[in-house]
Protein backbone atom coordinates (compact mmCIF):
# COMPACT_ATOMS: atom_id res chain seq x y z
CA MET A 1 13.48 30.40 10.40
CA ILE A 2 16.29 31.59 12.65
CA VAL A 3 15.23 33.09 15.97
CA ALA A 4 17.76 34.91 18.13
CA ARG A 5 16.62 33.52 21.45
CA TRP A 6 16.23 30.04 20.00
CA PHE A 7 19.80 30.07 18.70
CA LEU A 8 20.92 31.36 22.09
CA ALA A 9 19.01 28.56 23.89
CA VAL A 10 20.68 25.80 21.92
CA GLY A 11 24.11 27.36 22.31
CA HIS A 12 24.72 28.65 18.78
CA ASP A 13 27.89 30.72 19.24
CA ALA A 14 27.68 32.61 15.97
CA ALA A 15 24.15 33.81 16.63
CA SER A 16 24.97 34.84 20.18
CA THR A 17 27.81 37.08 19.03
CA VAL A 18 25.75 38.64 16.24
CA MET A 19 22.45 39.52 17.89
CA THR A 20 20.90 40.63 21.17
CA ALA A 21 17.46 41.66 19.95
CA THR A 22 14.34 39.74 21.01
CA SER A 23 12.95 39.57 17.49
CA ALA A 24 14.06 37.91 14.31
CA VAL A 25 16.58 39.68 12.07
CA ALA A 26 16.71 37.27 9.19
CA TRP A 27 14.04 35.39 7.30
CA VAL A 28 14.01 32.57 4.80
CA PRO A 29 11.38 33.07 2.09
CA ALA A 30 8.68 30.41 2.08
CA ALA A 31 6.18 29.44 -0.59
CA GLY A 32 3.86 32.20 0.55
CA GLY A 33 6.53 34.85 1.19
CA VAL A 34 8.05 35.73 4.57
CA LEU A 35 7.60 33.07 7.28
CA SER A 36 4.75 33.87 9.62
CA GLY A 37 4.83 33.88 13.40
CA VAL A 38 7.80 36.33 13.71
CA THR A 39 7.48 40.10 14.15
CA PRO A 40 10.75 41.78 13.16
CA PRO A 41 11.83 45.21 14.41
CA ALA A 42 11.06 48.28 12.30
CA GLY A 43 13.42 50.27 10.16
CA CYS A 44 15.71 49.66 7.24
CA LEU A 45 17.92 46.64 7.66
CA ALA A 46 21.08 48.05 6.12
CA VAL A 47 23.45 45.70 4.32
CA ALA A 48 27.07 46.58 5.03
CA GLY A 49 29.98 45.48 2.96
CA ARG A 50 31.92 43.93 5.87
CA GLY A 51 29.68 41.88 8.15
CA LEU A 52 27.89 43.46 11.08
CA ALA A 53 28.48 46.95 12.39
CA ALA A 54 29.26 46.98 16.10
CA ARG A 55 26.42 49.34 17.03
CA PRO A 56 24.92 48.64 20.47
CA SER A 57 21.12 48.89 20.63
CA LEU A 58 19.12 51.00 22.99
CA ALA A 59 17.43 47.84 24.26
CA SER A 60 20.77 46.48 25.48
CA GLY A 61 21.69 49.69 27.30
CA GLY A 62 24.30 50.99 24.87
CA HIS A 63 24.64 54.39 23.21
CA ARG A 64 23.28 54.70 19.75
CA ARG A 65 25.54 56.29 17.19
CA ARG A 66 24.22 58.46 14.42
CA PRO A 67 23.73 56.59 11.18
CA ARG A 68 26.16 57.25 8.44
CA ALA A 69 25.13 59.36 5.48
CA GLY A 70 23.03 57.53 2.98
CA ARG A 71 22.16 54.81 5.54
CA ARG A 72 19.02 56.29 7.10
CA GLU A 73 17.12 53.79 9.26
CA GLY A 74 13.54 54.45 10.19
CA GLY A 75 11.23 57.16 9.13
CA SER A 76 8.54 56.81 6.54
CA GLY A 77 10.80 57.13 3.52
CA ARG A 78 11.93 54.36 1.32
CA CYS A 79 15.04 52.41 2.21
CA LYS A 80 18.24 52.90 0.34
CA PRO A 81 19.42 50.26 -2.10
CA GLY A 82 20.96 47.35 -0.22
CA SER A 83 18.60 47.77 2.78
CA ILE A 84 15.48 45.86 3.86
CA ARG A 85 12.34 47.56 5.14
CA VAL A 86 11.05 46.01 8.40
CA GLN A 87 8.35 46.84 10.99
CA GLY A 88 8.97 47.62 14.67
CA ASP A 89 11.66 49.32 16.68
CA PRO A 90 14.60 50.22 14.46
CA GLY A 91 16.84 50.41 17.49
CA SER A 92 16.90 46.63 17.80
CA VAL A 93 18.10 46.08 14.23
CA ARG A 94 21.68 45.20 13.44
CA ARG A 95 23.46 45.67 10.21
CA VAL A 96 23.80 42.33 8.54
CA SER A 97 26.05 41.63 5.63
CA ALA A 98 24.66 40.03 2.50
CA ARG A 99 27.10 37.15 2.96
CA TRP A 100 25.82 36.51 6.49
CA LEU A 101 22.19 36.63 5.33
CA ARG A 102 22.92 34.09 2.61
CA GLY A 103 24.72 31.86 5.12
CA ALA A 104 21.84 32.14 7.59
CA ALA A 105 19.33 31.26 4.91
CA ALA A 106 21.35 28.21 3.91
CA THR A 107 21.69 27.14 7.55
CA ALA A 108 17.95 27.47 8.14
CA ALA A 109 17.14 25.53 4.99
CA THR A 110 19.48 22.73 6.06
CA ALA A 111 18.00 22.68 9.57
CA ALA A 112 14.52 22.34 8.11
CA PHE A 113 15.55 19.00 6.61
CA LEU A 114 17.69 17.74 9.52
CA VAL A 115 15.82 18.88 12.63
CA PRO A 116 12.57 17.02 13.43
CA ALA A 117 9.31 18.91 13.22
CA SER A 118 8.68 18.86 16.96
CA PRO A 119 11.83 20.85 17.94
CA LEU A 120 11.13 23.44 15.22
CA ALA A 121 7.55 23.84 16.37
CA ALA A 122 8.77 24.28 19.93
CA ALA A 123 11.38 26.94 19.01
CA PRO A 124 9.24 29.98 20.01
CA ALA A 125 8.53 28.37 23.37
CA LEU A 126 12.19 27.57 23.92
CA ALA A 127 13.08 31.24 23.40
CA HIS A 128 11.10 32.19 26.54
CA THR A 129 11.93 29.28 28.82
CA ALA A 130 14.79 28.72 31.25
CA GLN A 131 18.08 27.37 30.03
CA ALA A 132 17.89 24.20 32.17
CA PRO A 133 17.44 21.04 30.09
CA VAL A 134 14.07 19.33 30.19
CA HIS A 135 14.11 15.55 30.33
CA ALA A 136 11.18 13.47 29.13
CA PRO A 137 9.83 10.97 31.68
CA VAL A 138 11.04 7.43 31.27
CA HIS A 139 8.33 4.78 31.25
CA ALA A 140 9.54 1.32 32.30
CA PRO A 141 7.90 -1.67 30.62
CA VAL A 142 5.29 -3.41 32.68
CA HIS A 143 5.68 -7.13 33.01
CA ALA A 144 2.79 -9.47 33.82
CA PRO A 145 3.16 -11.58 36.98
CA ALA A 146 4.79 -14.93 36.33
CA GLN A 147 2.17 -16.78 38.33
CA ALA A 148 -0.84 -15.47 36.43
CA SER A 149 -2.15 -16.25 33.01
CA ALA A 150 -3.40 -13.72 30.44
CA HIS A 151 -6.94 -13.99 31.88
CA GLY A 152 -5.91 -13.45 35.49
CA THR A 153 -6.31 -17.11 36.54
CA ALA A 154 -3.70 -19.04 38.48
CA ALA A 155 -0.93 -20.80 36.58
CA PRO A 156 -1.39 -24.56 35.95
CA ALA A 157 1.42 -25.42 38.36
CA ALA A 158 -0.24 -23.51 41.21
CA VAL A 159 -3.58 -25.23 40.65
CA ALA A 160 -2.00 -28.68 40.41
CA LYS A 161 -0.02 -28.14 43.61
CA LYS A 162 -3.15 -27.07 45.48
CA LEU A 163 -4.89 -30.30 44.49
CA PHE A 164 -1.83 -32.36 45.34
CA GLY A 165 -1.59 -30.72 48.77
CA ALA A 166 -5.27 -31.33 49.48
CA TRP A 167 -4.79 -34.99 48.54
CA LEU A 168 -1.82 -35.35 50.89
CA ARG A 169 -3.98 -33.93 53.70
CA ALA A 170 -6.86 -36.23 52.70
CA ASP A 171 -9.02 -33.10 52.39
CA ARG A 172 -11.63 -33.83 49.74
CA HIS A 173 -13.45 -30.58 50.40
CA ALA A 174 -10.37 -28.50 49.62
CA ALA A 175 -9.62 -30.70 46.60
CA SER A 176 -13.11 -30.16 45.20
CA ARG A 177 -12.48 -26.40 45.10
CA VAL A 178 -9.62 -26.81 42.61
CA ALA A 179 -10.66 -29.95 40.69
CA THR A 180 -13.68 -31.60 39.12
CA ALA A 181 -15.43 -34.47 40.86
CA GLY A 182 -13.98 -37.02 38.43
CA ALA A 183 -10.43 -35.73 38.95
CA VAL A 184 -10.82 -35.84 42.73
CA SER A 185 -12.22 -39.38 42.62
CA THR A 186 -9.35 -40.63 40.44
CA LEU A 187 -6.62 -39.04 42.53
CA PHE A 188 -8.01 -40.22 45.87
CA SER A 189 -8.06 -43.81 44.56
CA TYR A 190 -4.34 -43.82 43.70
CA PRO A 191 -3.06 -47.29 44.68
CA PHE A 192 0.55 -46.37 45.40
CA ARG A 193 2.12 -44.03 47.89
CA ALA A 194 2.30 -40.38 46.91
CA PRO A 195 4.89 -39.28 44.35
CA ASP A 196 7.76 -37.39 45.92
CA GLU A 197 8.76 -34.92 43.21
CA PHE A 198 7.06 -32.27 41.12
CA ALA A 199 8.30 -32.71 37.53
CA GLY A 200 6.91 -29.44 36.18
CA CYS A 201 4.30 -28.65 33.57
CA SER A 202 4.19 -29.00 29.81
CA GLY A 203 1.53 -26.60 28.68
CA ASN A 204 -1.44 -27.28 30.96
CA ALA A 205 -0.32 -30.82 31.93
CA CYS A 206 1.59 -31.10 35.23
CA ARG A 207 3.35 -34.20 36.56
CA PHE A 208 4.25 -35.56 39.99
CA VAL A 209 6.66 -38.51 39.76
CA HIS A 210 8.24 -41.18 41.94
CA THR A 211 11.97 -41.18 42.60
CA SER A 212 12.20 -43.95 45.20
CA VAL A 213 9.77 -46.64 44.01
CA ARG A 214 9.02 -48.34 40.70
CA VAL A 215 5.41 -48.27 39.48
CA PRO A 216 3.86 -49.63 36.24
CA GLY A 217 3.45 -47.45 33.16
CA GLY A 218 5.27 -44.56 31.55
CA LEU A 219 3.62 -41.88 33.68
CA ASP A 220 5.63 -42.97 36.71
CA GLY A 221 3.17 -41.21 38.98
CA VAL A 222 0.38 -38.68 38.47
CA LEU A 223 -0.43 -36.37 35.55
CA MET A 224 -2.92 -33.52 36.06
CA VAL A 225 -4.58 -31.63 33.21
CA VAL A 226 -5.50 -28.07 34.21
CA SER A 227 -8.18 -26.00 32.51
CA GLY A 228 -8.66 -22.49 33.84
CA ALA A 229 -8.60 -22.60 37.64
CA LYS A 230 -9.38 -26.31 38.01
CA VAL A 231 -7.86 -29.71 37.37
CA THR A 232 -10.25 -31.37 34.95
CA LYS A 233 -8.52 -34.71 34.39
CA VAL A 234 -6.12 -36.90 36.33
CA TYR A 235 -4.02 -39.71 34.84
CA GLU A 236 -2.15 -42.03 37.17
CA SER A 237 -0.10 -45.20 37.22
CA ARG A 238 -2.41 -48.20 37.44
CA HIS A 239 -2.16 -51.38 39.42
CA ILE A 240 -3.60 -54.18 37.25
CA ALA A 241 -3.35 -57.74 38.54
CA LYS A 242 -3.95 -59.63 35.25
CA PRO A 243 -1.87 -59.58 32.03
CA SER A 244 -4.97 -59.69 29.82
CA ALA A 245 -6.49 -56.70 31.62
CA ALA A 246 -3.33 -54.70 31.02
CA ALA A 247 -3.37 -55.53 27.29
CA LYS A 248 -7.05 -54.60 26.94
CA TYR A 249 -6.57 -51.36 28.85
CA LEU A 250 -3.86 -50.28 26.41
CA PHE A 251 -5.91 -51.31 23.40
CA ASP A 252 -8.89 -49.25 24.63
CA ALA A 253 -6.64 -46.22 25.10
CA TRP A 254 -5.39 -46.58 21.50
CA ARG A 255 -8.93 -46.90 20.21
CA ALA A 256 -9.84 -43.69 22.07
CA GLY A 257 -6.71 -41.92 20.79
CA ASP A 258 -5.61 -41.11 24.37
CA ARG A 259 -1.84 -41.42 24.78
CA ASN A 260 -1.84 -40.40 28.44
CA ARG A 261 -4.32 -43.13 29.23
CA GLY A 262 -2.06 -45.62 27.48
CA LEU A 263 0.90 -44.45 29.57
CA GLU A 264 -1.00 -45.37 32.72
CA ILE A 265 -0.37 -49.05 31.98
CA ALA A 266 2.32 -49.20 29.29
CA THR A 267 5.86 -47.98 28.83
CA THR A 268 6.72 -45.00 26.64
CA THR A 269 8.23 -47.36 24.04
CA ALA A 270 5.08 -49.49 23.79
CA VAL A 271 2.80 -46.44 23.51
CA LYS A 272 4.99 -44.88 20.84
CA THR A 273 4.90 -48.08 18.76
CA LEU A 274 1.13 -48.54 19.05
CA PHE A 275 0.25 -44.90 18.34
CA ARG A 276 2.29 -44.74 15.14
CA THR A 277 -0.93 -45.62 13.37
CA LYS A 278 -4.32 -44.20 14.22
CA TYR A 279 -7.09 -46.59 15.05
CA ASP A 280 -9.64 -46.67 12.25
CA PRO A 281 -13.10 -47.79 13.38
CA LYS A 282 -14.02 -48.40 9.75
CA GLY A 283 -10.84 -50.33 9.06
CA VAL A 284 -9.85 -53.89 9.86
CA LYS A 285 -11.37 -55.61 12.89
CA TYR A 286 -9.17 -56.66 15.80
CA PHE A 287 -9.91 -59.81 17.77
CA PHE A 288 -8.41 -60.52 21.17
CA GLN A 289 -6.85 -64.01 21.24
CA GLY A 290 -5.83 -64.14 24.91
CA CYS A 291 -2.43 -64.29 26.59
CA SER A 292 0.19 -67.01 26.71
CA SER A 293 3.29 -67.44 28.80
CA GLU A 294 6.67 -66.47 27.43
CA PRO A 295 10.09 -65.97 29.01
CA LYS A 296 9.90 -63.22 31.66
CA GLY A 297 6.20 -62.63 31.20
CA TYR A 298 3.24 -62.96 28.88
CA SER A 299 2.36 -62.33 25.24
CA CYS A 300 -1.18 -61.11 24.59
CA ALA A 301 -2.32 -61.33 20.95
CA TYR A 302 -4.79 -59.43 18.75
CA SER A 303 -5.50 -60.86 15.34
CA TYR A 304 -6.78 -58.97 12.30
CA GLU A 305 -7.17 -59.73 8.64
CA GLY A 306 -3.70 -60.17 7.18
CA GLY A 307 -1.70 -60.32 10.43
CA GLY A 308 -1.53 -60.06 14.18
CA MET A 309 -0.35 -57.78 17.00
CA PHE A 310 1.42 -59.07 20.13
CA MET A 311 1.64 -57.12 23.37
CA HIS A 312 4.45 -58.24 25.67
CA VAL A 313 3.43 -57.91 29.30
CA ARG A 314 5.73 -57.88 32.31
CA GLY A 315 5.20 -57.65 36.07
CA SER A 316 3.47 -59.58 38.81
CA LYS A 317 0.15 -59.72 40.60
CA SER A 318 1.48 -57.92 43.64
CA ARG A 319 3.39 -55.23 41.79
CA GLY A 320 1.02 -54.96 38.86
CA TYR A 321 1.41 -55.68 35.13
CA GLU A 322 2.43 -53.34 32.33
CA VAL A 323 2.87 -53.62 28.56
CA THR A 324 6.55 -53.11 27.82
CA SER A 325 6.71 -53.65 24.02
CA ILE A 326 4.58 -54.48 20.96
CA GLY A 327 5.35 -56.62 17.89
CA TYR A 328 3.54 -57.41 14.63
CA ILE A 329 3.41 -60.36 12.23
CA ALA A 330 1.97 -60.63 8.74
CA ASP A 331 0.31 -63.68 7.19
């Protein structure tokens, strides 16, 4: 439907020059007849041959001219051919040409397809509101704090740093608030001086590494596993004074399927080689054959049916031993 005030509100120039009435002057037939919700002015809507007659309405303060013969508007009689009978005040009706009515109907039909439903539904309200534009409020996206997880607990890095700080202060009580008893016991027995750099977190595993000293193993310091708001496990570089003990420690880590435990006493290369295959408790049996000297260190052997595995150990009693590489032979 085309409403005079609505067209005026959206700045439709053609409608503003044609009409000044507060009611509708043109309708587009719907499935049930004339569109509802609009009360047109009364009288006979006369169709002129040349557009609209420039008759001012009484509502706009103009002087009403007498209707031409044969163009009677109002009264209880029937309208002349070419006129439309409407209800209301005939003084607010304008003469509308048939061409203009057809154009208005086509425009309204096109607008029904192009204009969203919400603006059309709001058209009557727009006709009685001020001309100032109304802007919808803008809602900025809300971002979660970077230091909190989805459940509101502290980030792994924050928890790990709290434990590390408590350890540096030798404060077991503070450490116990952010770590399990086993994690606290492991960390407070660290045999080397404290790592001097925080290496970040991978998932819930956070590392503190050495940059000024060399320690055995691929961890190169301390690894903390965080679960919720507490450190539940601590891995650390180990000081082992015997080559055989270093080899057995790595073998036990492989049997348990714990890579981080293996890195406590072996290099990344050795752990990667050993963990290529998964230990099978129902598979072949491994037998420790002891360690023998070799250039630059020791070779510790495990035999099994069909072959053998040799762990090459480097280091010293004072610095500690580590497994640096692993080799295999077949019978």
